[in-house]
Protein backbone atom coordinates (compact mmCIF):
# COMPACT_ATOMS: atom_id res chain seq x y z
CA MET A 1 -3.58 9.22 -6.41
CA PHE A 2 0.19 8.76 -7.97
CA PHE A 3 3.51 8.35 -6.14
CA LEU A 4 6.82 8.66 -6.83
CA ILE A 5 9.19 7.49 -4.12
CA SER A 6 13.37 7.23 -5.06
CA TYR A 7 16.13 5.44 -2.98
CA PHE A 8 19.29 4.61 -2.70
CA VAL A 9 18.96 1.17 -4.92
CA LEU A 10 15.80 -1.06 -5.07
CA GLU A 11 16.96 -3.96 -7.54
CA ASN A 12 17.14 -6.68 -5.83
CA ARG A 13 15.09 -5.66 -2.63
CA GLU A 14 12.80 -7.40 -1.64
CA ILE A 15 9.32 -4.88 -0.92
CA LYS A 16 6.15 -5.87 0.30
CA ALA A 17 3.00 -3.68 1.12
CA LYS A 18 -0.03 -3.72 3.10
CA ILE A 19 -3.05 -1.12 2.73
CA LEU A 20 -6.13 -0.66 4.59
CA THR A 21 -9.03 0.89 2.42
CA SER A 22 -12.44 0.90 2.30
CA GLU A 23 -15.36 1.71 -0.07
CA GLU A 24 -16.79 3.71 1.90
CA MET A 25 -15.48 7.28 4.02
CA ASP A 26 -17.27 6.33 7.56
CA ALA A 27 -16.49 2.65 7.30
CA HIS A 28 -14.40 1.48 10.97
CA ASN A 29 -14.27 -1.64 13.12
CA THR A 30 -16.29 -2.34 15.75
CA PHE A 31 -17.13 -4.90 18.60
CA ASP A 32 -19.99 -6.71 16.91
CA ALA A 33 -17.90 -6.38 13.14
CA PRO A 34 -14.22 -5.84 14.11
CA GLU A 35 -12.92 -6.86 10.87
CA THR A 36 -14.91 -4.13 8.81
CA ILE A 37 -10.91 -2.91 7.79
CA LYS A 38 -8.11 -4.67 7.84
CA PRO A 39 -4.61 -4.81 6.31
CA VAL A 40 -4.57 -6.65 3.49
CA GLU A 41 -1.78 -7.42 0.74
CA PHE A 42 -0.99 -4.30 -2.07
CA PRO A 43 -0.46 -6.85 -4.43
CA LYS A 44 2.76 -6.03 -6.89
CA LYS A 45 1.27 -5.72 -10.15
CA HIS A 46 0.85 -2.20 -8.52
CA LEU A 47 4.16 -1.08 -7.36
CA SER A 48 6.21 -0.59 -10.70
CA ILE A 49 10.23 -0.04 -9.93
CA ASN A 50 12.71 1.35 -12.33
CA GLY A 51 16.51 2.38 -10.93
CA THR A 52 16.40 4.35 -7.62
CA ASN A 53 12.01 5.32 -8.36
CA LEU A 54 9.34 2.92 -6.55
CA SER A 55 6.26 4.12 -8.39
CA PHE A 56 2.69 3.53 -7.25
CA LYS A 57 -1.27 4.21 -7.95
CA MET A 58 -2.82 4.74 -4.50
CA PRO A 59 -6.95 4.32 -4.25
CA SER A 60 -8.55 7.53 -1.96
CA LYS A 61 -9.48 6.44 1.67
CA ALA A 62 -6.04 4.37 1.55
CA VAL A 63 -3.12 3.75 4.04
CA LEU A 64 -0.47 1.63 2.78
CA ILE A 65 2.44 0.47 4.54
CA ILE A 66 5.77 -0.50 2.33
CA LYS A 67 8.49 -2.64 3.74
CA ILE A 68 11.82 -2.65 1.57
CA LYS A 69 14.15 -4.77 2.94
């Protein structure tokens, strides 16, 4: 899925992203396997900034957290 976010000014801002995803739709954490799904850094190469627009492609079955400072 492709997303486009418009923000006041994105240039010269620190942008960090983490993603929570799995290849399998029914994957889940358990007490025996507590890190089956865990947040990992979303590669900056997948984030594109153009003026006030931030665009990115996100895999299905995922949650993405983006921090803009």
